[in-house]
Every structure is written in C-alpha cells, then in structure tokens.
C-alpha cells in the first residue's frame, strides 16, 4: 500500500468537480477515555488539558463515565468526563448516551462548540454479556455553517469478534441511512477495535460491499495523515503496554463522501494524546483529530 499523502490545500473558491471550494474548517476529535479504569482521577486532568489544547469544534468520546443524575439528553444534572471536557472548552453543548457499569454510567458522548439540537442512540448487536454496552450515538448539531450529524460509537473489542463488529457496522450504516436528510456528509467517529484492512472497516470505505447503497466514507488518517502507521493502540503508551497486545490503528474519524464545494473533504489528520501531561498520559488509547472542509 502506498503511504498516505496529505490532501493539497487548494485555495477556497478554486473551481473543482464539486464546484468552487468552501473555505471553512471543522475540527473533529475522537478519543476513548478509558472510563474509570486505571488511575482515572490522575488521568482526568491530563485528558481535559489535552482536549483544551487541541480546541476541537466537536469531540466524539467513548468510555465516558457519567455519574448518577446525568441522565438528561444533554448530560446535565450530574458529573461526567464529558461535562468536565465541555466545561474546560467553554462548551455548554453535550449529548450523552448512558448505560450503567458498576452503578456509574458508561457510554458514548458528543461535546460541541455549537448547540446540539437533538440526538438518538442505537443499541448495537452483541453477545449476552457486558459487550451489550455497545451503542452508536447521533448528535444533531446546529453549526454556523449549517446542520451537522455526528455519530460516536464503540465496537466490540475482542480479536475473535470480527463477525459481530461487521453486524454492528451494518446496524450503524442503516442508522445513518435512516437518519433525517442532511446537507453535510455524515461524520462517524470512534473506537472500532478493528484494523484498516479488516472486513468491518473495508465495508465502510468501499473496499468491500457497503451495507447501504451510496453510503461510503473516507478514512481521515488514510486521506490526510502523515504517512505513518497512525497507531492509536500503542506500546509506547504505558497503559496499553500492560495488555501485551500489538500496536495497531483502531480509532477513526470517517467522513462521508464530499458534497458541493468539497464540504466534508479531509484536509488534515493527527494522532493525539500521545504526550504526558504532568507525567501521565490521559488514556490507554491515543485519540485522532481530523480537519474537514465545511
């Protein structure tokens, strides 16, 4: 496979097959926050400070902890890791889906610079065990560039469960296809626990039969990463190292096929959360931040 080449930054207004290029930029972060595992109280400040420095427009978060009382659709009413991040960014707009693990919520969230006007959560296919926690959460966002639909998800983790992850991808694609009509490409982000050449990821990127007609995504790292492996589960991370697993790229930002003006084109992508803050990294996963044209 040829190394990735960052997308050329054509000037806004340049005439392309999509018409004159739009000039706006949308920064989307995805990060698995590792719930309340490990030294979570020490990790949380590192997570919050890392996200504050990155200053995304939208953050898709997985393994969010949500204390009792944060049951509302916007996550208000109680403490959560999403709330802490939103407060640090000065964002009042949070959407969460809460499931319970050891009496504390465990789920996906979206934190947004702009109002979250609605949302919906889809339970994903799974086994009759703790893996039933898997969901996909859609946030409907009222941005100054127009409405956005952003999906945050987290698939089964076990190496032997590709078949289940493929079922989950089919369910997610049906969910996206059945969501209200949109003028901006859907953005799907999260911890997929799957390699880029896995069947479940190939279904999303059009390298295998797509679950829904005309629904296909660009992998942001492949489109505009630095050409390196982009590992988000890495033995350079002291928390990941303890699990004795190989390095791999399993966290993604996927952007739907661009629309008029090239809106949705991936312009840049980075692996983030790799540097310790006050001597501690934020999570066992590294995150991914992508810049899209909007």
C-alpha atoms as a PDB file:
ATOM      1  CA  UNK A   1       0.000   0.000   0.000  1.00  0.00           C
ATOM      2  CA  UNK A   2       1.324   3.451  -0.896  1.00  0.00           C
ATOM      3  CA  UNK A   3       1.886   5.859   2.005  1.00  0.00           C
ATOM      4  CA  UNK A   4      -0.790   8.447   2.652  1.00  0.00           C
ATOM      5  CA  UNK A   5      -0.245  11.868   1.128  1.00  0.00           C
ATOM      6  CA  UNK A   6      -1.858  14.840   2.918  1.00  0.00           C
ATOM      7  CA  UNK A   7      -4.594  16.489   0.876  1.00  0.00           C
ATOM      8  CA  UNK A   8      -3.340  19.532  -1.070  1.00  0.00           C
ATOM      9  CA  UNK A   9      -4.739  22.700   0.432  1.00  0.00           C
ATOM     10  CA  UNK A  10      -6.402  24.283  -2.577  1.00  0.00           C
ATOM     11  CA  UNK A  11      -7.474  27.853  -2.075  1.00  0.00           C
ATOM     12  CA  UNK A  12     -11.134  28.464  -1.230  1.00  0.00           C
ATOM     13  CA  UNK A  13     -13.035  29.320  -4.366  1.00  0.00           C
ATOM     14  CA  UNK A  14     -10.892  27.091  -6.588  1.00  0.00           C
ATOM     15  CA  UNK A  15     -13.142  25.509  -9.207  1.00  0.00           C
ATOM     16  CA  UNK A  16     -13.261  21.714  -8.874  1.00  0.00           C
ATOM     17  CA  UNK A  17     -15.592  18.907  -9.860  1.00  0.00           C
ATOM     18  CA  UNK A  18     -17.506  19.809  -6.677  1.00  0.00           C
ATOM     19  CA  UNK A  19     -17.784  23.452  -7.701  1.00  0.00           C
ATOM     20  CA  UNK A  20     -15.914  26.361  -6.035  1.00  0.00           C
ATOM     21  CA  UNK A  21     -14.303  25.118  -2.846  1.00  0.00           C
ATOM     22  CA  UNK A  22     -15.747  26.128   0.511  1.00  0.00           C
ATOM     23  CA  UNK A  23     -13.307  27.827   2.851  1.00  0.00           C
ATOM     24  CA  UNK A  24     -14.430  26.763   6.326  1.00  0.00           C
ATOM     25  CA  UNK A  25     -12.683  24.253   8.587  1.00  0.00           C
ATOM     26  CA  UNK A  26     -14.242  21.743  11.003  1.00  0.00           C
ATOM     27  CA  UNK A  27     -12.052  20.032  13.620  1.00  0.00           C
ATOM     28  CA  UNK A  28     -13.395  16.699  14.875  1.00  0.00           C
ATOM     29  CA  UNK A  29     -11.737  14.767  17.694  1.00  0.00           C
ATOM     30  CA  UNK A  30     -12.383  11.168  18.682  1.00  0.00           C
ATOM     31  CA  UNK A  31     -10.953   9.669  21.882  1.00  0.00           C
ATOM     32  CA  UNK A  32     -11.646   6.616  24.032  1.00  0.00           C
ATOM     33  CA  UNK A  33     -11.276   7.954  27.595  1.00  0.00           C
ATOM     34  CA  UNK A  34     -10.895   4.549  29.354  1.00  0.00           C
ATOM     35  CA  UNK A  35     -13.867   5.141  31.701  1.00  0.00           C
ATOM     36  CA  UNK A  36     -12.820   4.926  35.383  1.00  0.00           C
ATOM     37  CA  UNK A  37     -10.200   2.286  34.771  1.00  0.00           C
ATOM     38  CA  UNK A  38      -6.638   2.626  35.990  1.00  0.00           C
ATOM     39  CA  UNK A  39      -5.640   5.786  37.892  1.00  0.00           C
ATOM     40  CA  UNK A  40      -8.588   7.665  36.427  1.00  0.00           C
ATOM     41  CA  UNK A  41      -8.590  10.544  38.899  1.00  0.00           C
ATOM     42  CA  UNK A  42      -4.971  11.297  37.970  1.00  0.00           C
ATOM     43  CA  UNK A  43      -5.657  10.745  34.257  1.00  0.00           C
ATOM     44  CA  UNK A  44      -8.662  13.061  34.040  1.00  0.00           C
ATOM     45  CA  UNK A  45      -6.711  16.353  34.290  1.00  0.00           C
ATOM     46  CA  UNK A  46      -4.415  15.114  31.507  1.00  0.00           C
ATOM     47  CA  UNK A  47      -7.448  14.330  29.311  1.00  0.00           C
ATOM     48  CA  UNK A  48      -9.056  17.691  29.979  1.00  0.00           C
ATOM     49  CA  UNK A  49      -5.858  19.656  29.368  1.00  0.00           C
ATOM     50  CA  UNK A  50      -5.060  17.723  26.174  1.00  0.00           C
ATOM     51  CA  UNK A  51      -8.518  18.404  24.730  1.00  0.00           C
ATOM     52  CA  UNK A  52      -8.337  22.046  25.812  1.00  0.00           C
ATOM     53  CA  UNK A  53      -5.066  22.462  23.918  1.00  0.00           C
ATOM     54  CA  UNK A  54      -6.468  20.737  20.819  1.00  0.00           C
ATOM     55  CA  UNK A  55      -9.552  23.001  20.845  1.00  0.00           C
ATOM     56  CA  UNK A  56     -11.768  20.860  18.583  1.00  0.00           C
ATOM     57  CA  UNK A  57     -15.121  22.083  17.327  1.00  0.00           C
ATOM     58  CA  UNK A  58     -16.645  18.683  18.102  1.00  0.00           C
ATOM     59  CA  UNK A  59     -15.357  15.856  20.306  1.00  0.00           C
ATOM     60  CA  UNK A  60     -16.688  12.312  19.925  1.00  0.00           C
ATOM     61  CA  UNK A  61     -15.904  10.455  23.141  1.00  0.00           C
ATOM     62  CA  UNK A  62     -16.108   6.804  24.126  1.00  0.00           C
ATOM     63  CA  UNK A  63     -15.922   5.076  27.519  1.00  0.00           C
ATOM     64  CA  UNK A  64     -17.267   8.234  29.097  1.00  0.00           C
ATOM     65  CA  UNK A  65     -18.099   7.938  32.800  1.00  0.00           C
ATOM     66  CA  UNK A  66     -21.401   9.504  33.815  1.00  0.00           C
ATOM     67  CA  UNK A  67     -22.382   9.832  37.452  1.00  0.00           C
ATOM     68  CA  UNK A  68     -25.988   9.226  38.571  1.00  0.00           C
ATOM     69  CA  UNK A  69     -28.075  12.308  37.885  1.00  0.00           C
ATOM     70  CA  UNK A  70     -26.569  12.986  34.456  1.00  0.00           C
ATOM     71  CA  UNK A  71     -29.421  11.240  32.701  1.00  0.00           C
ATOM     72  CA  UNK A  72     -30.688  14.086  30.534  1.00  0.00           C
ATOM     73  CA  UNK A  73     -30.153  14.169  26.773  1.00  0.00           C
ATOM     74  CA  UNK A  74     -27.590  16.953  27.178  1.00  0.00           C
ATOM     75  CA  UNK A  75     -25.707  15.286  30.032  1.00  0.00           C
ATOM     76  CA  UNK A  76     -26.640  17.993  32.556  1.00  0.00           C
ATOM     77  CA  UNK A  77     -27.703  17.158  36.093  1.00  0.00           C
ATOM     78  CA  UNK A  78     -24.585  15.335  37.226  1.00  0.00           C
ATOM     79  CA  UNK A  79     -20.871  14.992  36.742  1.00  0.00           C
ATOM     80  CA  UNK A  80     -19.252  13.180  33.818  1.00  0.00           C
ATOM     81  CA  UNK A  81     -15.968  13.152  31.953  1.00  0.00           C
ATOM     82  CA  UNK A  82     -17.805  14.729  29.002  1.00  0.00           C
ATOM     83  CA  UNK A  83     -19.023  17.528  31.267  1.00  0.00           C
ATOM     84  CA  UNK A  84     -15.503  18.167  32.550  1.00  0.00           C
ATOM     85  CA  UNK A  85     -14.219  18.427  28.986  1.00  0.00           C
ATOM     86  CA  UNK A  86     -17.099  20.653  27.923  1.00  0.00           C
ATOM     87  CA  UNK A  87     -16.502  22.965  30.866  1.00  0.00           C
ATOM     88  CA  UNK A  88     -12.786  23.227  30.058  1.00  0.00           C
ATOM     89  CA  UNK A  89     -13.587  24.179  26.461  1.00  0.00           C
ATOM     90  CA  UNK A  90     -16.356  26.553  27.458  1.00  0.00           C
ATOM     91  CA  UNK A  91     -18.856  24.370  25.564  1.00  0.00           C
ATOM     92  CA  UNK A  92     -22.335  24.136  27.048  1.00  0.00           C
ATOM     93  CA  UNK A  93     -23.494  21.620  24.481  1.00  0.00           C
ATOM     94  CA  UNK A  94     -23.181  17.946  25.374  1.00  0.00           C
ATOM     95  CA  UNK A  95     -25.047  14.863  24.290  1.00  0.00           C
ATOM     96  CA  UNK A  96     -24.598  11.510  26.004  1.00  0.00           C
ATOM     97  CA  UNK A  97     -25.960   8.027  25.978  1.00  0.00           C
ATOM     98  CA  UNK A  98     -25.774   6.433  29.413  1.00  0.00           C
ATOM     99  CA  UNK A  99     -25.552   2.774  30.301  1.00  0.00           C
ATOM    100  CA  UNK A 100     -24.631   1.510  33.763  1.00  0.00           C
ATOM    101  CA  UNK A 101     -21.433  -0.270  34.760  1.00  0.00           C
ATOM    102  CA  UNK A 102     -20.831  -0.746  38.490  1.00  0.00           C
ATOM    103  CA  UNK A 103     -23.505   1.908  39.216  1.00  0.00           C
ATOM    104  CA  UNK A 104     -21.686   4.511  37.109  1.00  0.00           C
ATOM    105  CA  UNK A 105     -22.699   5.389  33.565  1.00  0.00           C
ATOM    106  CA  UNK A 106     -20.534   4.071  30.720  1.00  0.00           C
ATOM    107  CA  UNK A 107     -21.181   5.298  27.219  1.00  0.00           C
ATOM    108  CA  UNK A 108     -20.546   7.499  24.225  1.00  0.00           C
ATOM    109  CA  UNK A 109     -20.809  11.264  24.100  1.00  0.00           C
ATOM    110  CA  UNK A 110     -20.503  14.210  21.757  1.00  0.00           C
ATOM    111  CA  UNK A 111     -19.294  17.601  23.015  1.00  0.00           C
ATOM    112  CA  UNK A 112     -19.874  20.505  20.650  1.00  0.00           C
ATOM    113  CA  UNK A 113     -18.902  24.150  20.259  1.00  0.00           C
ATOM    114  CA  UNK A 114     -22.381  24.692  18.788  1.00  0.00           C
ATOM    115  CA  UNK A 115     -25.871  23.729  20.011  1.00  0.00           C
ATOM    116  CA  UNK A 116     -26.863  20.067  19.967  1.00  0.00           C
ATOM    117  CA  UNK A 117     -30.483  20.294  18.893  1.00  0.00           C
ATOM    118  CA  UNK A 118     -31.309  16.601  19.089  1.00  0.00           C
ATOM    119  CA  UNK A 119     -29.892  13.129  19.110  1.00  0.00           C
ATOM    120  CA  UNK A 120     -30.627   9.443  19.121  1.00  0.00           C
ATOM    121  CA  UNK A 121     -28.845   6.366  20.435  1.00  0.00           C
ATOM    122  CA  UNK A 122     -28.796   2.978  18.722  1.00  0.00           C
ATOM    123  CA  UNK A 123     -28.118  -0.212  20.730  1.00  0.00           C
ATOM    124  CA  UNK A 124     -25.750  -2.348  18.667  1.00  0.00           C
ATOM    125  CA  UNK A 125     -25.923  -6.113  18.091  1.00  0.00           C
ATOM    126  CA  UNK A 126     -23.810  -8.045  20.566  1.00  0.00           C
ATOM    127  CA  UNK A 127     -23.466 -11.077  22.770  1.00  0.00           C
ATOM    128  CA  UNK A 128     -25.298 -11.789  26.005  1.00  0.00           C
ATOM    129  CA  UNK A 129     -22.582 -10.297  28.201  1.00  0.00           C
ATOM    130  CA  UNK A 130     -21.011  -6.951  29.059  1.00  0.00           C
ATOM    131  CA  UNK A 131     -20.447  -6.323  25.351  1.00  0.00           C
ATOM    132  CA  UNK A 132     -24.144  -5.424  25.232  1.00  0.00           C
ATOM    133  CA  UNK A 133     -22.990  -1.967  26.316  1.00  0.00           C
ATOM    134  CA  UNK A 134     -22.126  -1.081  22.720  1.00  0.00           C
ATOM    135  CA  UNK A 135     -24.083   1.753  21.132  1.00  0.00           C
ATOM    136  CA  UNK A 136     -23.889   4.431  18.459  1.00  0.00           C
ATOM    137  CA  UNK A 137     -24.947   7.946  19.453  1.00  0.00           C
ATOM    138  CA  UNK A 138     -26.014  10.564  16.901  1.00  0.00           C
ATOM    139  CA  UNK A 139     -25.797  14.263  17.729  1.00  0.00           C
ATOM    140  CA  UNK A 140     -27.665  16.790  15.586  1.00  0.00           C
ATOM    141  CA  UNK A 141     -25.624  20.000  15.677  1.00  0.00           C
ATOM    142  CA  UNK A 142     -26.670  23.491  14.614  1.00  0.00           C
ATOM    143  CA  UNK A 143     -23.384  24.931  13.321  1.00  0.00           C
ATOM    144  CA  UNK A 144     -22.992  28.370  11.726  1.00  0.00           C
ATOM    145  CA  UNK A 145     -22.134  26.509   8.516  1.00  0.00           C
ATOM    146  CA  UNK A 146     -25.409  24.580   8.577  1.00  0.00           C
ATOM    147  CA  UNK A 147     -26.718  21.476  10.352  1.00  0.00           C
ATOM    148  CA  UNK A 148     -24.361  18.576  11.061  1.00  0.00           C
ATOM    149  CA  UNK A 149     -24.890  14.935  12.000  1.00  0.00           C
ATOM    150  CA  UNK A 150     -22.063  13.388  14.008  1.00  0.00           C
ATOM    151  CA  UNK A 151     -22.031   9.763  15.178  1.00  0.00           C
ATOM    152  CA  UNK A 152     -19.907   8.478  18.091  1.00  0.00           C
ATOM    153  CA  UNK A 153     -19.540   4.719  18.528  1.00  0.00           C
ATOM    154  CA  UNK A 154     -17.545   1.932  20.166  1.00  0.00           C
ATOM    155  CA  UNK A 155     -17.499  -1.624  18.770  1.00  0.00           C
ATOM    156  CA  UNK A 156     -16.724  -4.963  20.430  1.00  0.00           C
ATOM    157  CA  UNK A 157     -13.078  -5.271  21.361  1.00  0.00           C
ATOM    158  CA  UNK A 158     -12.163  -8.968  21.195  1.00  0.00           C
ATOM    159  CA  UNK A 159      -9.872 -10.078  18.367  1.00  0.00           C
ATOM    160  CA  UNK A 160     -12.149 -13.052  17.590  1.00  0.00           C
ATOM    161  CA  UNK A 161     -15.314 -10.947  17.190  1.00  0.00           C
ATOM    162  CA  UNK A 162     -14.926  -9.519  13.710  1.00  0.00           C
ATOM    163  CA  UNK A 163     -18.238 -11.127  12.720  1.00  0.00           C
ATOM    164  CA  UNK A 164     -20.026  -9.201  15.489  1.00  0.00           C
ATOM    165  CA  UNK A 165     -18.284  -5.972  14.547  1.00  0.00           C
ATOM    166  CA  UNK A 166     -19.455  -6.472  10.970  1.00  0.00           C
ATOM    167  CA  UNK A 167     -23.040  -6.812  12.239  1.00  0.00           C
ATOM    168  CA  UNK A 168     -22.521  -3.640  14.259  1.00  0.00           C
ATOM    169  CA  UNK A 169     -21.226  -1.776  11.190  1.00  0.00           C
ATOM    170  CA  UNK A 170     -24.291  -2.889   9.219  1.00  0.00           C
ATOM    171  CA  UNK A 171     -26.545  -1.595  12.010  1.00  0.00           C
ATOM    172  CA  UNK A 172     -24.660   1.720  12.171  1.00  0.00           C
ATOM    173  CA  UNK A 173     -24.885   2.202   8.414  1.00  0.00           C
ATOM    174  CA  UNK A 174     -28.634   1.510   8.492  1.00  0.00           C
ATOM    175  CA  UNK A 175     -28.921   4.014  11.355  1.00  0.00           C
ATOM    176  CA  UNK A 176     -27.038   6.674   9.378  1.00  0.00           C
ATOM    177  CA  UNK A 177     -29.002   5.986   6.203  1.00  0.00           C
ATOM    178  CA  UNK A 178     -32.272   6.223   8.138  1.00  0.00           C
ATOM    179  CA  UNK A 179     -31.381   9.470   9.929  1.00  0.00           C
ATOM    180  CA  UNK A 180     -33.053  12.721   8.824  1.00  0.00           C
ATOM    181  CA  UNK A 181     -31.878  14.165   5.489  1.00  0.00           C
ATOM    182  CA  UNK A 182     -28.639  16.143   5.776  1.00  0.00           C
ATOM    183  CA  UNK A 183     -26.833  18.759   3.731  1.00  0.00           C
ATOM    184  CA  UNK A 184     -23.358  17.940   5.108  1.00  0.00           C
ATOM    185  CA  UNK A 185     -21.745  14.478   4.882  1.00  0.00           C
ATOM    186  CA  UNK A 186     -22.194  12.317   7.985  1.00  0.00           C
ATOM    187  CA  UNK A 187     -19.199  12.134  10.303  1.00  0.00           C
ATOM    188  CA  UNK A 188     -18.687   8.783  12.022  1.00  0.00           C
ATOM    189  CA  UNK A 189     -16.001   8.533  14.695  1.00  0.00           C
ATOM    190  CA  UNK A 190     -14.975   6.242  17.477  1.00  0.00           C
ATOM    191  CA  UNK A 191     -13.156   3.185  18.717  1.00  0.00           C
ATOM    192  CA  UNK A 192     -13.809   0.452  16.143  1.00  0.00           C
ATOM    193  CA  UNK A 193     -11.398  -2.100  17.641  1.00  0.00           C
ATOM    194  CA  UNK A 194     -10.591  -3.133  14.065  1.00  0.00           C
ATOM    195  CA  UNK A 195      -7.636  -2.743  11.726  1.00  0.00           C
ATOM    196  CA  UNK A 196      -7.885  -0.745   8.482  1.00  0.00           C
ATOM    197  CA  UNK A 197      -7.796  -3.934   6.380  1.00  0.00           C
ATOM    198  CA  UNK A 198     -10.479  -5.690   8.458  1.00  0.00           C
ATOM    199  CA  UNK A 199     -13.766  -6.581   6.795  1.00  0.00           C
ATOM    200  CA  UNK A 200     -15.686  -4.241   9.095  1.00  0.00           C
ATOM    201  CA  UNK A 201     -13.603  -1.199   8.115  1.00  0.00           C
ATOM    202  CA  UNK A 202     -13.484  -2.212   4.441  1.00  0.00           C
ATOM    203  CA  UNK A 203     -17.309  -2.174   4.461  1.00  0.00           C
ATOM    204  CA  UNK A 204     -17.210   1.478   5.473  1.00  0.00           C
ATOM    205  CA  UNK A 205     -14.572   2.577   2.963  1.00  0.00           C
ATOM    206  CA  UNK A 206     -15.972   0.786  -0.083  1.00  0.00           C
ATOM    207  CA  UNK A 207     -13.298  -1.908  -0.274  1.00  0.00           C
ATOM    208  CA  UNK A 208     -15.994  -4.475   0.447  1.00  0.00           C
ATOM    209  CA  UNK A 209     -19.722  -4.464  -0.280  1.00  0.00           C
ATOM    210  CA  UNK A 210     -21.226  -1.460   1.501  1.00  0.00           C
ATOM    211  CA  UNK A 211     -24.172  -2.179   3.823  1.00  0.00           C
ATOM    212  CA  UNK A 212     -26.228   0.739   2.465  1.00  0.00           C
ATOM    213  CA  UNK A 213     -26.306   1.957  -1.157  1.00  0.00           C
ATOM    214  CA  UNK A 214     -24.186   5.070  -1.758  1.00  0.00           C
ATOM    215  CA  UNK A 215     -23.088   5.292   1.887  1.00  0.00           C
ATOM    216  CA  UNK A 216     -19.296   5.216   1.899  1.00  0.00           C
ATOM    217  CA  UNK A 217     -16.658   7.019   3.955  1.00  0.00           C
ATOM    218  CA  UNK A 218     -13.139   8.363   3.676  1.00  0.00           C
ATOM    219  CA  UNK A 219     -10.801   7.253   6.472  1.00  0.00           C
ATOM    220  CA  UNK A 220      -9.324  10.560   7.658  1.00  0.00           C
ATOM    221  CA  UNK A 221      -5.924   9.141   8.563  1.00  0.00           C
ATOM    222  CA  UNK A 222      -5.584   7.388   5.241  1.00  0.00           C
ATOM    223  CA  UNK A 223      -6.687  10.532   3.398  1.00  0.00           C
ATOM    224  CA  UNK A 224      -4.545  13.089   5.199  1.00  0.00           C
ATOM    225  CA  UNK A 225      -2.355  11.538   7.884  1.00  0.00           C
ATOM    226  CA  UNK A 226       1.414  11.873   7.910  1.00  0.00           C
ATOM    227  CA  UNK A 227       2.020   8.592   6.085  1.00  0.00           C
ATOM    228  CA  UNK A 228       2.985   6.725   9.266  1.00  0.00           C
ATOM    229  CA  UNK A 229       1.156   3.785  10.841  1.00  0.00           C
ATOM    230  CA  UNK A 230      -1.110   6.027  12.921  1.00  0.00           C
ATOM    231  CA  UNK A 231      -1.248   3.587  15.829  1.00  0.00           C
ATOM    232  CA  UNK A 232      -3.845   4.567  18.408  1.00  0.00           C
ATOM    233  CA  UNK A 233      -3.238   1.437  20.487  1.00  0.00           C
ATOM    234  CA  UNK A 234       0.487   1.636  21.013  1.00  0.00           C
ATOM    235  CA  UNK A 235       3.038   0.042  23.296  1.00  0.00           C
ATOM    236  CA  UNK A 236       4.598   3.484  23.618  1.00  0.00           C
ATOM    237  CA  UNK A 237       1.613   4.137  25.909  1.00  0.00           C
ATOM    238  CA  UNK A 238       2.407   2.722  29.372  1.00  0.00           C
ATOM    239  CA  UNK A 239      -1.251   1.821  29.982  1.00  0.00           C
ATOM    240  CA  UNK A 240      -1.637  -0.053  26.680  1.00  0.00           C
ATOM    241  CA  UNK A 241       1.680  -1.820  27.218  1.00  0.00           C
ATOM    242  CA  UNK A 242       0.248  -3.685  30.213  1.00  0.00           C
ATOM    243  CA  UNK A 243      -2.225  -5.590  27.988  1.00  0.00           C
ATOM    244  CA  UNK A 244       0.543  -7.305  25.960  1.00  0.00           C
ATOM    245  CA  UNK A 245      -1.166  -6.571  22.630  1.00  0.00           C
ATOM    246  CA  UNK A 246       0.427  -5.494  19.330  1.00  0.00           C
ATOM    247  CA  UNK A 247       0.470  -1.928  18.077  1.00  0.00           C
ATOM    248  CA  UNK A 248      -2.478  -1.159  15.810  1.00  0.00           C
ATOM    249  CA  UNK A 249      -4.709   1.583  14.401  1.00  0.00           C
ATOM    250  CA  UNK A 250      -8.227   1.063  15.724  1.00  0.00           C
ATOM    251  CA  UNK A 251      -9.644   4.564  16.334  1.00  0.00           C
ATOM    252  CA  UNK A 252     -11.017   6.506  13.374  1.00  0.00           C
ATOM    253  CA  UNK A 253     -12.682   9.614  12.043  1.00  0.00           C
ATOM    254  CA  UNK A 254     -14.675   8.691   8.936  1.00  0.00           C
ATOM    255  CA  UNK A 255     -16.072  11.431   6.703  1.00  0.00           C
ATOM    256  CA  UNK A 256     -18.908  10.772   4.286  1.00  0.00           C
ATOM    257  CA  UNK A 257     -18.447  11.440   0.585  1.00  0.00           C
ATOM    258  CA  UNK A 258     -17.943  15.194  -0.003  1.00  0.00           C
ATOM    259  CA  UNK A 259     -20.788  17.399  -1.113  1.00  0.00           C
ATOM    260  CA  UNK A 260     -20.916  20.655  -3.077  1.00  0.00           C
ATOM    261  CA  UNK A 261     -17.943  22.908  -2.524  1.00  0.00           C
ATOM    262  CA  UNK A 262     -15.927  19.890  -1.382  1.00  0.00           C
ATOM    263  CA  UNK A 263     -17.651  20.105   2.005  1.00  0.00           C
ATOM    264  CA  UNK A 264     -16.571  17.078   4.006  1.00  0.00           C
ATOM    265  CA  UNK A 265     -13.158  16.712   2.335  1.00  0.00           C
ATOM    266  CA  UNK A 266     -10.477  15.602   4.810  1.00  0.00           C
ATOM    267  CA  UNK A 267      -7.706  18.201   4.914  1.00  0.00           C
ATOM    268  CA  UNK A 268      -5.566  17.022   7.819  1.00  0.00           C
ATOM    269  CA  UNK A 269      -5.416  14.255  10.433  1.00  0.00           C
ATOM    270  CA  UNK A 270      -3.258  13.678  13.508  1.00  0.00           C
ATOM    271  CA  UNK A 271      -2.879  11.114  16.279  1.00  0.00           C
ATOM    272  CA  UNK A 272      -3.141  12.989  19.588  1.00  0.00           C
ATOM    273  CA  UNK A 273      -2.947  12.406  23.326  1.00  0.00           C
ATOM    274  CA  UNK A 274       0.494  10.856  22.930  1.00  0.00           C
ATOM    275  CA  UNK A 275       2.329  13.273  25.227  1.00  0.00           C
ATOM    276  CA  UNK A 276       2.050  13.050  29.016  1.00  0.00           C
ATOM    277  CA  UNK A 277       0.610  15.975  30.946  1.00  0.00           C
ATOM    278  CA  UNK A 278       2.311  16.360  34.323  1.00  0.00           C
ATOM    279  CA  UNK A 279       3.836  12.927  33.835  1.00  0.00           C
ATOM    280  CA  UNK A 280       0.711  10.963  32.900  1.00  0.00           C
ATOM    281  CA  UNK A 281      -0.964  10.146  29.588  1.00  0.00           C
ATOM    282  CA  UNK A 282      -4.724  10.565  29.509  1.00  0.00           C
ATOM    283  CA  UNK A 283      -5.929   7.152  28.354  1.00  0.00           C
ATOM    284  CA  UNK A 284      -4.866   3.704  27.215  1.00  0.00           C
ATOM    285  CA  UNK A 285      -5.867   4.839  23.703  1.00  0.00           C
ATOM    286  CA  UNK A 286      -4.474   7.736  21.736  1.00  0.00           C
ATOM    287  CA  UNK A 287      -7.017   9.949  20.017  1.00  0.00           C
ATOM    288  CA  UNK A 288      -7.459  11.163  16.446  1.00  0.00           C
ATOM    289  CA  UNK A 289      -8.277  14.698  15.312  1.00  0.00           C
ATOM    290  CA  UNK A 290      -9.268  15.467  11.727  1.00  0.00           C
ATOM    291  CA  UNK A 291      -9.819  18.749   9.920  1.00  0.00           C
ATOM    292  CA  UNK A 292     -12.631  18.692   7.363  1.00  0.00           C
ATOM    293  CA  UNK A 293     -13.716  21.271   4.817  1.00  0.00           C
ATOM    294  CA  UNK A 294     -17.028  22.897   5.707  1.00  0.00           C
END
